[in-house]
């Protein structure tokens, strides 16, 4: 269903449709070196570093796996009006974790939540976005927060509090399913692939 790797180690993790996460060592054979089942439904997305593996699922939870202790450290839900909101994307850095969510009964209630890994992954801030459909990916880079959405836009915001809009990129595709940013190049995919170079936009607005 999904895969994630850690650039600082030889490990990568995969998520399955039965709620199990498998961890592999790229230097070894095909068999996983460990596996655990933190979810009761599909594992939709993974994020990992040398310390933790984060996963979220159709069961509306985010699981935090402590790699050193070899156990599930925490299961996180995000409260909604009636039921917990559904995670749609995740991005993890050493000091911050960003999670995008949607409300099951209000498709326009789209939020980003900031978690602190150094404080038991507690939610330190939640705020609404200008997106009008599911947030599909969130990325941190060069002091910017980049989000893509099923509404066909990529929004670039500052990391200030409160966050301020820097730029909005509109795709020719109706929906953006995934996004990545590397080496000053932004790529999005949907029914096709589009590429931008937004470096000038970010650096100009931050001066």
N, C-alpha and C. Protein backbone atom coordinates (compact mmCIF):
# COMPACT_ATOMS: atom_id res chain seq x y z
N UNK A 1 0.81 -1.21 0.00
CA UNK A 1 0.00 0.00 0.00
C UNK A 1 0.85 1.27 0.00
N UNK A 2 1.98 1.27 0.75
CA UNK A 2 2.83 2.45 0.85
C UNK A 2 4.22 2.03 1.30
N UNK A 3 5.17 2.96 1.12
CA UNK A 3 6.56 2.67 1.48
C UNK A 3 7.23 3.94 1.94
N UNK A 4 8.19 3.81 2.86
CA UNK A 4 8.99 4.95 3.32
C UNK A 4 10.37 4.44 3.68
N UNK A 5 11.36 5.33 3.58
CA UNK A 5 12.73 4.95 3.92
C UNK A 5 13.38 6.05 4.74
N UNK A 6 14.48 5.71 5.35
CA UNK A 6 15.25 6.67 6.14
C UNK A 6 16.61 6.88 5.49
N UNK A 7 16.91 8.11 5.02
CA UNK A 7 18.18 8.35 4.33
C UNK A 7 19.41 8.07 5.19
N UNK A 8 19.26 8.13 6.51
CA UNK A 8 20.41 7.97 7.40
C UNK A 8 20.62 6.52 7.84
N UNK A 9 19.80 5.62 7.36
CA UNK A 9 19.98 4.21 7.69
C UNK A 9 19.70 3.38 6.45
N UNK A 10 19.87 2.09 6.56
CA UNK A 10 19.61 1.19 5.44
C UNK A 10 18.22 0.57 5.51
N UNK A 11 17.37 1.11 6.38
CA UNK A 11 16.05 0.53 6.59
C UNK A 11 14.99 1.21 5.75
N UNK A 12 13.99 0.42 5.37
CA UNK A 12 12.78 0.98 4.78
C UNK A 12 11.59 0.18 5.29
N UNK A 13 10.42 0.80 5.24
CA UNK A 13 9.20 0.18 5.78
C UNK A 13 8.11 0.19 4.73
N UNK A 14 7.27 -0.84 4.77
CA UNK A 14 6.12 -0.91 3.88
C UNK A 14 4.86 -1.14 4.71
N UNK A 15 3.75 -0.60 4.22
CA UNK A 15 2.47 -0.80 4.88
C UNK A 15 1.57 -1.68 4.04
N UNK A 16 0.76 -2.51 4.69
CA UNK A 16 -0.06 -3.48 3.97
C UNK A 16 -1.54 -3.20 4.15
N UNK A 17 -2.34 -3.93 3.39
CA UNK A 17 -3.79 -3.76 3.45
C UNK A 17 -4.40 -4.36 4.72
N UNK A 18 -3.65 -5.19 5.43
CA UNK A 18 -4.19 -5.81 6.65
C UNK A 18 -3.81 -5.03 7.91
N UNK A 19 -3.16 -3.86 7.74
CA UNK A 19 -2.81 -3.04 8.89
C UNK A 19 -1.43 -3.32 9.46
N UNK A 20 -0.64 -4.15 8.78
CA UNK A 20 0.69 -4.51 9.26
C UNK A 20 1.76 -3.66 8.59
N UNK A 21 2.78 -3.30 9.37
CA UNK A 21 3.95 -2.59 8.85
C UNK A 21 5.14 -3.55 8.88
N UNK A 22 5.83 -3.66 7.74
CA UNK A 22 7.01 -4.52 7.63
C UNK A 22 8.25 -3.64 7.49
N UNK A 23 9.30 -3.99 8.22
CA UNK A 23 10.55 -3.24 8.18
C UNK A 23 11.63 -4.12 7.54
N UNK A 24 12.33 -3.57 6.55
CA UNK A 24 13.36 -4.30 5.82
C UNK A 24 14.70 -3.60 5.95
N UNK A 25 15.76 -4.38 5.84
CA UNK A 25 17.12 -3.86 5.73
C UNK A 25 17.56 -4.05 4.28
N UNK A 26 17.90 -2.95 3.61
CA UNK A 26 18.23 -3.03 2.19
C UNK A 26 19.48 -3.87 1.93
N UNK A 27 20.27 -4.13 2.95
CA UNK A 27 21.49 -4.92 2.78
C UNK A 27 21.23 -6.42 2.89
N UNK A 28 20.04 -6.79 3.35
CA UNK A 28 19.74 -8.21 3.56
C UNK A 28 18.82 -8.74 2.48
N UNK A 29 18.36 -9.96 2.66
CA UNK A 29 17.48 -10.58 1.67
C UNK A 29 16.07 -10.02 1.75
N UNK A 30 15.15 -10.65 1.03
CA UNK A 30 13.81 -10.11 0.89
C UNK A 30 12.97 -10.17 2.16
N UNK A 31 13.32 -11.02 3.10
CA UNK A 31 12.50 -11.17 4.30
C UNK A 31 12.62 -9.95 5.21
N UNK A 32 11.50 -9.51 5.81
CA UNK A 32 11.55 -8.37 6.73
C UNK A 32 12.32 -8.71 7.99
N UNK A 33 12.98 -7.71 8.58
CA UNK A 33 13.70 -7.94 9.83
C UNK A 33 12.77 -7.82 11.03
N UNK A 34 11.62 -7.18 10.83
CA UNK A 34 10.60 -7.12 11.88
C UNK A 34 9.27 -6.70 11.26
N UNK A 35 8.20 -6.99 11.96
CA UNK A 35 6.89 -6.51 11.52
C UNK A 35 6.01 -6.34 12.75
N UNK A 36 5.03 -5.47 12.62
CA UNK A 36 4.09 -5.22 13.71
C UNK A 36 2.77 -4.76 13.10
N UNK A 37 1.69 -4.90 13.87
CA UNK A 37 0.38 -4.56 13.33
C UNK A 37 -0.28 -3.48 14.20
N UNK A 38 -0.08 -2.20 13.85
CA UNK A 38 -0.63 -1.12 14.66
C UNK A 38 -2.04 -0.71 14.27
N UNK A 39 -2.54 -1.24 13.13
CA UNK A 39 -3.83 -0.78 12.62
C UNK A 39 -4.77 -1.96 12.33
N UNK A 40 -6.04 -1.65 12.24
CA UNK A 40 -7.05 -2.66 11.95
C UNK A 40 -7.49 -2.61 10.49
N UNK A 41 -7.04 -1.57 9.76
CA UNK A 41 -7.40 -1.43 8.35
C UNK A 41 -6.16 -1.04 7.54
N UNK A 42 -6.38 -0.69 6.28
CA UNK A 42 -5.29 -0.35 5.37
C UNK A 42 -4.31 0.65 5.98
N UNK A 43 -3.02 0.43 5.76
CA UNK A 43 -2.01 1.43 6.08
C UNK A 43 -1.86 2.33 4.85
N UNK A 44 -2.22 3.59 4.98
CA UNK A 44 -2.26 4.50 3.84
C UNK A 44 -0.96 5.25 3.58
N UNK A 45 -0.23 5.56 4.65
CA UNK A 45 0.99 6.35 4.48
C UNK A 45 1.95 6.08 5.63
N UNK A 46 3.24 6.17 5.33
CA UNK A 46 4.29 5.97 6.32
C UNK A 46 5.27 7.14 6.28
N UNK A 47 5.89 7.41 7.42
CA UNK A 47 7.01 8.35 7.50
C UNK A 47 7.97 7.79 8.55
N UNK A 48 9.26 7.88 8.29
CA UNK A 48 10.20 7.30 9.25
C UNK A 48 11.50 8.09 9.32
N UNK A 49 12.16 7.99 10.47
CA UNK A 49 13.53 8.46 10.64
C UNK A 49 14.29 7.39 11.43
N UNK A 50 15.43 7.73 11.98
CA UNK A 50 16.22 6.72 12.69
C UNK A 50 15.59 6.29 14.01
N UNK A 51 14.65 7.09 14.53
CA UNK A 51 14.05 6.80 15.83
C UNK A 51 12.65 6.23 15.76
N UNK A 52 11.83 6.75 14.83
CA UNK A 52 10.41 6.40 14.84
C UNK A 52 9.92 6.02 13.44
N UNK A 53 8.84 5.24 13.43
CA UNK A 53 8.06 5.00 12.22
C UNK A 53 6.64 5.45 12.52
N UNK A 54 6.14 6.38 11.72
CA UNK A 54 4.77 6.86 11.86
C UNK A 54 3.94 6.29 10.72
N UNK A 55 2.75 5.84 11.04
CA UNK A 55 1.84 5.30 10.02
C UNK A 55 0.44 5.79 10.30
N UNK A 56 -0.34 5.97 9.23
CA UNK A 56 -1.76 6.24 9.46
C UNK A 56 -2.60 5.36 8.56
N UNK A 57 -3.86 5.21 8.96
CA UNK A 57 -4.69 4.16 8.40
C UNK A 57 -6.13 4.61 8.22
N UNK A 58 -6.89 3.78 7.49
CA UNK A 58 -8.33 3.99 7.37
C UNK A 58 -9.05 3.85 8.71
N UNK A 59 -8.37 3.36 9.74
CA UNK A 59 -9.00 3.28 11.06
C UNK A 59 -8.94 4.62 11.80
N UNK A 60 -8.47 5.67 11.09
CA UNK A 60 -8.45 7.06 11.59
C UNK A 60 -7.41 7.31 12.68
N UNK A 61 -6.41 6.45 12.79
CA UNK A 61 -5.37 6.64 13.81
C UNK A 61 -4.00 6.81 13.17
N UNK A 62 -3.12 7.48 13.91
CA UNK A 62 -1.70 7.53 13.58
C UNK A 62 -0.96 6.75 14.65
N UNK A 63 -0.14 5.81 14.23
CA UNK A 63 0.64 5.00 15.16
C UNK A 63 2.09 5.48 15.17
N UNK A 64 2.66 5.56 16.37
CA UNK A 64 4.07 5.93 16.53
C UNK A 64 4.82 4.69 17.03
N UNK A 65 5.72 4.18 16.21
CA UNK A 65 6.53 3.00 16.56
C UNK A 65 7.92 3.46 16.96
N UNK A 66 8.35 3.07 18.15
CA UNK A 66 9.69 3.39 18.64
C UNK A 66 10.64 2.30 18.14
N UNK A 67 11.53 2.66 17.22
CA UNK A 67 12.41 1.65 16.63
C UNK A 67 13.41 1.08 17.62
N UNK A 68 13.88 1.90 18.54
CA UNK A 68 14.87 1.43 19.50
C UNK A 68 14.24 0.50 20.53
N UNK A 69 13.06 0.86 21.01
CA UNK A 69 12.38 0.03 22.01
C UNK A 69 11.67 -1.16 21.38
N UNK A 70 11.38 -1.07 20.08
CA UNK A 70 10.68 -2.15 19.40
C UNK A 70 9.24 -2.30 19.84
N UNK A 71 8.55 -1.17 20.02
CA UNK A 71 7.16 -1.23 20.46
C UNK A 71 6.40 -0.01 19.97
N UNK A 72 5.07 -0.14 19.98
CA UNK A 72 4.22 1.01 19.65
C UNK A 72 4.22 1.97 20.83
N UNK A 73 4.66 3.16 20.59
CA UNK A 73 4.79 4.17 21.64
C UNK A 73 3.47 4.88 21.91
N UNK A 74 2.70 5.12 20.84
CA UNK A 74 1.49 5.92 21.00
C UNK A 74 0.58 5.74 19.80
N UNK A 75 -0.73 5.87 20.03
CA UNK A 75 -1.72 5.91 18.96
C UNK A 75 -2.44 7.25 19.07
N UNK A 76 -2.48 7.99 17.97
CA UNK A 76 -2.99 9.37 17.99
C UNK A 76 -4.25 9.47 17.15
N UNK A 77 -5.25 10.17 17.67
CA UNK A 77 -6.43 10.53 16.90
C UNK A 77 -6.60 12.04 16.98
N UNK A 78 -7.28 12.59 15.98
CA UNK A 78 -7.53 14.02 15.93
C UNK A 78 -9.03 14.25 16.06
N UNK A 79 -9.47 14.96 17.09
CA UNK A 79 -10.90 15.11 17.34
C UNK A 79 -11.60 15.90 16.24
N UNK A 80 -12.82 15.47 15.92
CA UNK A 80 -13.66 16.19 14.97
C UNK A 80 -14.94 16.63 15.65
N UNK A 81 -15.87 17.13 14.87
CA UNK A 81 -17.13 17.61 15.42
C UNK A 81 -17.92 16.47 16.04
N UNK A 82 -18.03 15.35 15.32
CA UNK A 82 -18.78 14.19 15.80
C UNK A 82 -17.88 12.97 15.99
N UNK A 83 -17.02 12.71 15.00
CA UNK A 83 -16.11 11.57 15.03
C UNK A 83 -14.68 12.08 14.81
N UNK A 84 -13.67 11.24 15.11
CA UNK A 84 -12.30 11.65 14.82
C UNK A 84 -12.11 11.97 13.34
N UNK A 85 -11.28 12.97 13.05
CA UNK A 85 -11.00 13.31 11.67
C UNK A 85 -10.06 12.28 11.04
N UNK A 86 -10.00 12.29 9.72
CA UNK A 86 -9.26 11.28 8.97
C UNK A 86 -7.92 11.85 8.51
N UNK A 87 -6.78 11.24 8.87
CA UNK A 87 -5.49 11.70 8.35
C UNK A 87 -5.41 11.49 6.84
N UNK A 88 -4.83 12.46 6.14
CA UNK A 88 -4.68 12.35 4.69
C UNK A 88 -3.24 12.45 4.23
N UNK A 89 -2.34 12.99 5.06
CA UNK A 89 -0.93 13.08 4.69
C UNK A 89 -0.10 13.31 5.94
N UNK A 90 1.20 13.07 5.82
CA UNK A 90 2.08 13.22 6.98
C UNK A 90 3.50 13.55 6.50
N UNK A 91 4.19 14.39 7.27
CA UNK A 91 5.58 14.71 6.98
C UNK A 91 6.32 14.80 8.31
N UNK A 92 7.43 14.10 8.43
CA UNK A 92 8.16 14.08 9.70
C UNK A 92 9.57 14.59 9.52
N UNK A 93 9.94 15.53 10.39
CA UNK A 93 11.31 15.97 10.56
C UNK A 93 11.70 15.69 12.01
N UNK A 94 12.96 15.91 12.35
CA UNK A 94 13.41 15.58 13.71
C UNK A 94 12.66 16.39 14.76
N UNK A 95 12.36 17.65 14.46
CA UNK A 95 11.76 18.53 15.46
C UNK A 95 10.26 18.73 15.29
N UNK A 96 9.71 18.42 14.12
CA UNK A 96 8.30 18.69 13.85
C UNK A 96 7.69 17.57 13.02
N UNK A 97 6.41 17.33 13.27
CA UNK A 97 5.61 16.44 12.42
C UNK A 97 4.38 17.21 11.98
N UNK A 98 4.11 17.22 10.68
CA UNK A 98 2.91 17.85 10.14
C UNK A 98 1.96 16.77 9.65
N UNK A 99 0.70 16.90 10.03
CA UNK A 99 -0.33 15.94 9.62
C UNK A 99 -1.51 16.71 9.04
N UNK A 100 -1.93 16.33 7.85
CA UNK A 100 -3.14 16.89 7.25
C UNK A 100 -4.32 15.99 7.54
N UNK A 101 -5.48 16.59 7.86
CA UNK A 101 -6.68 15.81 8.15
C UNK A 101 -7.90 16.39 7.44
N UNK A 102 -8.93 15.56 7.35
CA UNK A 102 -10.23 16.01 6.86
C UNK A 102 -11.29 15.52 7.82
N UNK A 103 -12.41 16.24 7.90
CA UNK A 103 -13.53 15.82 8.72
C UNK A 103 -14.43 14.91 7.91
N UNK A 104 -14.83 13.80 8.49
CA UNK A 104 -15.64 12.81 7.77
C UNK A 104 -16.93 13.41 7.23
N UNK A 105 -17.54 14.32 7.97
CA UNK A 105 -18.86 14.84 7.59
C UNK A 105 -18.81 16.28 7.10
N UNK A 106 -17.62 16.84 6.94
CA UNK A 106 -17.49 18.20 6.43
C UNK A 106 -16.25 18.24 5.54
N UNK A 107 -16.45 18.07 4.24
CA UNK A 107 -15.33 17.93 3.31
C UNK A 107 -14.45 19.17 3.23
N UNK A 108 -14.98 20.32 3.68
CA UNK A 108 -14.20 21.55 3.61
C UNK A 108 -13.46 21.85 4.91
N UNK A 109 -13.62 20.98 5.91
CA UNK A 109 -12.90 21.16 7.18
C UNK A 109 -11.55 20.46 7.08
N UNK A 110 -10.60 21.16 6.47
CA UNK A 110 -9.28 20.59 6.18
C UNK A 110 -8.25 21.31 7.04
N UNK A 111 -7.52 20.55 7.84
CA UNK A 111 -6.60 21.17 8.79
C UNK A 111 -5.21 20.57 8.71
N UNK A 112 -4.24 21.36 9.16
CA UNK A 112 -2.89 20.88 9.39
C UNK A 112 -2.61 20.91 10.88
N UNK A 113 -2.03 19.84 11.37
CA UNK A 113 -1.70 19.74 12.79
C UNK A 113 -0.18 19.62 12.93
N UNK A 114 0.38 20.29 13.92
CA UNK A 114 1.81 20.24 14.19
C UNK A 114 2.03 19.45 15.47
N UNK A 115 2.84 18.39 15.40
CA UNK A 115 3.14 17.55 16.56
C UNK A 115 4.61 17.73 16.94
N UNK A 116 4.88 17.61 18.23
CA UNK A 116 6.25 17.75 18.73
C UNK A 116 6.80 16.38 19.14
N UNK A 117 7.72 15.81 18.36
CA UNK A 117 8.29 14.49 18.70
C UNK A 117 9.05 14.49 20.02
N UNK A 118 9.53 15.65 20.44
CA UNK A 118 10.31 15.74 21.68
C UNK A 118 9.43 15.85 22.91
N UNK A 119 8.12 15.97 22.69
CA UNK A 119 7.18 16.06 23.81
C UNK A 119 6.04 15.07 23.60
N UNK A 120 6.41 13.80 23.45
CA UNK A 120 5.44 12.71 23.36
C UNK A 120 4.48 12.87 22.18
N UNK A 121 4.93 13.51 21.12
CA UNK A 121 4.12 13.71 19.91
C UNK A 121 2.80 14.43 20.22
N UNK A 122 2.84 15.33 21.17
CA UNK A 122 1.64 16.11 21.49
C UNK A 122 1.36 17.12 20.38
N UNK A 123 0.07 17.40 20.17
CA UNK A 123 -0.34 18.39 19.18
C UNK A 123 -0.07 19.78 19.77
N UNK A 124 0.79 20.55 19.12
CA UNK A 124 1.13 21.88 19.63
C UNK A 124 0.38 22.98 18.89
N UNK A 125 -0.15 22.66 17.71
CA UNK A 125 -0.91 23.66 16.97
C UNK A 125 -1.74 22.98 15.90
N UNK A 126 -2.93 23.52 15.66
CA UNK A 126 -3.79 23.07 14.57
C UNK A 126 -4.35 24.31 13.88
N UNK A 127 -4.37 24.30 12.56
CA UNK A 127 -4.93 25.46 11.87
C UNK A 127 -5.56 25.03 10.55
N UNK A 128 -6.52 25.82 10.12
CA UNK A 128 -7.23 25.55 8.87
C UNK A 128 -6.37 25.95 7.68
N UNK A 129 -6.68 25.38 6.54
CA UNK A 129 -5.97 25.71 5.31
C UNK A 129 -6.94 26.32 4.31
N UNK A 130 -6.40 26.86 3.23
CA UNK A 130 -7.23 27.44 2.17
C UNK A 130 -7.61 26.40 1.12
N UNK A 131 -7.15 25.17 1.30
CA UNK A 131 -7.52 24.13 0.35
C UNK A 131 -9.02 23.82 0.46
N UNK A 132 -9.59 23.39 -0.66
CA UNK A 132 -11.02 23.06 -0.69
C UNK A 132 -11.28 21.57 -0.87
N UNK A 133 -10.22 20.78 -0.91
CA UNK A 133 -10.36 19.32 -1.00
C UNK A 133 -9.17 18.70 -0.26
N UNK A 134 -9.17 17.40 -0.12
CA UNK A 134 -8.17 16.71 0.70
C UNK A 134 -6.74 17.18 0.45
N UNK A 135 -5.99 17.37 1.53
CA UNK A 135 -4.56 17.65 1.43
C UNK A 135 -3.86 16.32 1.17
N UNK A 136 -3.13 16.24 0.07
CA UNK A 136 -2.54 14.95 -0.32
C UNK A 136 -1.07 14.80 0.08
N UNK A 137 -0.39 15.93 0.30
CA UNK A 137 1.02 15.85 0.70
C UNK A 137 1.43 17.16 1.36
N UNK A 138 2.30 17.06 2.35
CA UNK A 138 2.86 18.24 3.01
C UNK A 138 4.37 18.08 3.05
N UNK A 139 5.08 19.20 2.79
CA UNK A 139 6.55 19.14 2.69
C UNK A 139 7.14 20.41 3.29
N UNK A 140 8.20 20.25 4.07
CA UNK A 140 8.92 21.38 4.67
C UNK A 140 10.24 21.57 3.95
N UNK A 141 10.54 22.84 3.58
CA UNK A 141 11.82 23.11 2.95
C UNK A 141 12.10 24.60 2.94
N UNK A 142 13.35 24.98 3.19
CA UNK A 142 13.82 26.37 3.06
C UNK A 142 12.90 27.37 3.76
N UNK A 143 12.39 27.03 4.91
CA UNK A 143 11.52 27.95 5.63
C UNK A 143 10.12 28.05 5.07
N UNK A 144 9.79 27.18 4.12
CA UNK A 144 8.46 27.16 3.51
C UNK A 144 7.72 25.88 3.87
N UNK A 145 6.42 25.98 3.94
CA UNK A 145 5.55 24.82 4.08
C UNK A 145 4.78 24.66 2.78
N UNK A 146 4.94 23.53 2.13
CA UNK A 146 4.31 23.29 0.83
C UNK A 146 3.25 22.21 0.99
N UNK A 147 2.03 22.49 0.55
CA UNK A 147 0.95 21.50 0.61
C UNK A 147 0.32 21.34 -0.77
N UNK A 148 -0.02 20.11 -1.11
CA UNK A 148 -0.76 19.85 -2.35
C UNK A 148 -2.12 19.28 -1.99
N UNK A 149 -3.04 19.36 -2.94
CA UNK A 149 -4.42 19.00 -2.62
C UNK A 149 -5.14 18.41 -3.82
N UNK A 150 -6.21 17.69 -3.50
CA UNK A 150 -7.11 17.19 -4.53
C UNK A 150 -7.86 18.32 -5.23
N UNK A 151 -7.77 19.55 -4.70
CA UNK A 151 -8.41 20.69 -5.36
C UNK A 151 -7.58 21.22 -6.53
N UNK A 152 -6.44 20.57 -6.82
CA UNK A 152 -5.63 20.94 -7.97
C UNK A 152 -4.65 22.07 -7.73
N UNK A 153 -4.41 22.42 -6.47
CA UNK A 153 -3.48 23.51 -6.16
C UNK A 153 -2.34 23.04 -5.27
N UNK A 154 -1.25 23.78 -5.35
CA UNK A 154 -0.14 23.67 -4.40
C UNK A 154 -0.01 25.02 -3.72
N UNK A 155 -0.05 25.02 -2.40
CA UNK A 155 0.05 26.27 -1.64
C UNK A 155 1.36 26.30 -0.88
N UNK A 156 2.06 27.42 -1.00
CA UNK A 156 3.33 27.62 -0.31
C UNK A 156 3.12 28.68 0.75
N UNK A 157 3.45 28.34 2.00
CA UNK A 157 3.22 29.24 3.13
C UNK A 157 4.49 29.39 3.95
N UNK A 158 4.53 30.43 4.76
CA UNK A 158 5.66 30.63 5.67
C UNK A 158 5.50 29.74 6.89
N UNK A 159 6.58 29.53 7.61
CA UNK A 159 6.54 28.75 8.84
C UNK A 159 6.38 29.63 10.07
N UNK A 160 5.94 30.86 9.84
CA UNK A 160 5.71 31.78 10.95
C UNK A 160 4.41 31.42 11.66
N UNK A 161 4.17 32.03 12.81
CA UNK A 161 2.94 31.81 13.55
C UNK A 161 2.27 33.17 13.79
N UNK A 162 1.16 33.46 13.07
CA UNK A 162 0.45 32.55 12.15
C UNK A 162 1.16 32.43 10.80
N UNK A 163 0.87 31.34 10.11
CA UNK A 163 1.44 31.11 8.80
C UNK A 163 0.89 32.12 7.79
N UNK A 164 1.75 32.58 6.89
CA UNK A 164 1.33 33.56 5.88
C UNK A 164 1.49 32.96 4.49
N UNK A 165 0.52 33.20 3.60
CA UNK A 165 0.62 32.66 2.24
C UNK A 165 1.76 33.31 1.46
N UNK A 166 2.49 32.51 0.71
CA UNK A 166 3.57 33.01 -0.14
C UNK A 166 3.17 32.92 -1.61
N UNK A 167 2.64 31.78 -2.01
CA UNK A 167 2.24 31.60 -3.41
C UNK A 167 1.25 30.45 -3.51
N UNK A 168 0.43 30.50 -4.56
CA UNK A 168 -0.47 29.40 -4.90
C UNK A 168 -0.22 29.00 -6.34
N UNK A 169 0.10 27.75 -6.56
CA UNK A 169 0.32 27.21 -7.90
C UNK A 169 -0.89 26.39 -8.30
N UNK A 170 -1.43 26.66 -9.48
CA UNK A 170 -2.63 25.95 -9.94
C UNK A 170 -2.26 25.00 -11.07
N UNK A 171 -2.56 23.75 -10.83
CA UNK A 171 -2.25 22.72 -11.81
C UNK A 171 -3.29 22.69 -12.92
N UNK A 172 -2.87 22.23 -14.09
CA UNK A 172 -3.82 22.00 -15.17
C UNK A 172 -4.60 20.71 -14.95
N UNK A 173 -4.13 19.90 -14.02
CA UNK A 173 -4.85 18.67 -13.67
C UNK A 173 -5.95 18.98 -12.67
N UNK A 174 -7.02 18.25 -12.74
CA UNK A 174 -8.14 18.49 -11.84
C UNK A 174 -7.78 18.15 -10.39
N UNK A 175 -7.05 17.05 -10.19
CA UNK A 175 -6.67 16.63 -8.85
C UNK A 175 -5.16 16.39 -8.79
N UNK A 176 -4.56 16.76 -7.67
CA UNK A 176 -3.16 16.42 -7.41
C UNK A 176 -3.14 15.30 -6.38
N UNK A 177 -2.60 14.16 -6.78
CA UNK A 177 -2.59 12.99 -5.91
C UNK A 177 -1.32 12.89 -5.07
N UNK A 178 -0.22 13.45 -5.59
CA UNK A 178 1.04 13.37 -4.86
C UNK A 178 1.93 14.53 -5.25
N UNK A 179 2.92 14.81 -4.40
CA UNK A 179 3.81 15.94 -4.63
C UNK A 179 5.15 15.67 -3.98
N UNK A 180 6.22 16.17 -4.60
CA UNK A 180 7.54 16.10 -3.98
C UNK A 180 8.34 17.32 -4.39
N UNK A 181 9.29 17.68 -3.53
CA UNK A 181 10.14 18.85 -3.77
C UNK A 181 11.59 18.47 -3.48
N UNK A 182 12.42 18.52 -4.51
CA UNK A 182 13.84 18.18 -4.37
C UNK A 182 14.67 19.10 -5.25
N UNK A 183 15.81 19.56 -4.72
CA UNK A 183 16.76 20.34 -5.51
C UNK A 183 16.09 21.51 -6.23
N UNK A 184 15.26 22.25 -5.48
CA UNK A 184 14.57 23.44 -5.99
C UNK A 184 13.60 23.13 -7.13
N UNK A 185 13.15 21.90 -7.21
CA UNK A 185 12.19 21.51 -8.24
C UNK A 185 10.98 20.85 -7.58
N UNK A 186 9.80 21.32 -7.97
CA UNK A 186 8.55 20.80 -7.43
C UNK A 186 7.86 19.96 -8.49
N UNK A 187 7.50 18.74 -8.15
CA UNK A 187 6.80 17.86 -9.09
C UNK A 187 5.49 17.39 -8.46
N UNK A 188 4.43 17.39 -9.25
CA UNK A 188 3.13 16.89 -8.79
C UNK A 188 2.62 15.87 -9.79
N UNK A 189 1.77 14.96 -9.29
CA UNK A 189 1.21 13.94 -10.17
C UNK A 189 -0.28 13.81 -9.93
N UNK A 190 -0.98 13.44 -10.98
CA UNK A 190 -2.42 13.17 -10.93
C UNK A 190 -2.71 12.26 -12.10
N UNK A 191 -3.45 12.77 -13.09
CA UNK A 191 -3.60 12.01 -14.33
C UNK A 191 -2.37 12.17 -15.22
N UNK A 192 -1.44 13.02 -14.79
CA UNK A 192 -0.17 13.22 -15.47
C UNK A 192 0.86 13.71 -14.48
N UNK A 193 1.93 14.30 -14.97
CA UNK A 193 2.99 14.85 -14.13
C UNK A 193 3.28 16.28 -14.57
N UNK A 194 3.39 17.18 -13.60
CA UNK A 194 3.77 18.56 -13.87
C UNK A 194 4.96 18.93 -12.99
N UNK A 195 5.82 19.81 -13.52
CA UNK A 195 7.04 20.19 -12.80
C UNK A 195 7.14 21.71 -12.76
N UNK A 196 7.45 22.25 -11.57
CA UNK A 196 7.71 23.68 -11.39
C UNK A 196 9.07 23.88 -10.76
N UNK A 197 9.60 25.09 -10.91
CA UNK A 197 10.82 25.50 -10.19
C UNK A 197 10.47 26.74 -9.37
N UNK A 198 9.93 26.57 -8.15
CA UNK A 198 9.41 27.70 -7.37
C UNK A 198 10.45 28.39 -6.50
N UNK A 199 11.74 28.13 -6.73
CA UNK A 199 12.79 28.70 -5.88
C UNK A 199 12.70 30.22 -5.84
N UNK A 200 12.49 30.86 -6.98
CA UNK A 200 12.45 32.32 -7.04
C UNK A 200 11.30 32.87 -6.24
N UNK A 201 10.14 32.20 -6.28
CA UNK A 201 8.97 32.66 -5.53
C UNK A 201 9.25 32.68 -4.04
N UNK A 202 9.83 31.62 -3.51
CA UNK A 202 10.11 31.55 -2.08
C UNK A 202 11.14 32.58 -1.65
N UNK A 203 12.26 32.65 -2.39
CA UNK A 203 13.34 33.53 -1.96
C UNK A 203 12.94 34.99 -2.08
N UNK A 204 12.15 35.34 -3.08
CA UNK A 204 11.73 36.73 -3.25
C UNK A 204 10.81 37.16 -2.14
N UNK A 205 9.84 36.33 -1.79
CA UNK A 205 8.85 36.69 -0.78
C UNK A 205 9.45 36.77 0.61
N UNK A 206 10.53 36.08 0.87
CA UNK A 206 11.09 36.05 2.22
C UNK A 206 12.07 37.18 2.50
N UNK A 207 12.44 37.96 1.50
CA UNK A 207 13.40 39.04 1.71
C UNK A 207 12.77 40.19 2.50
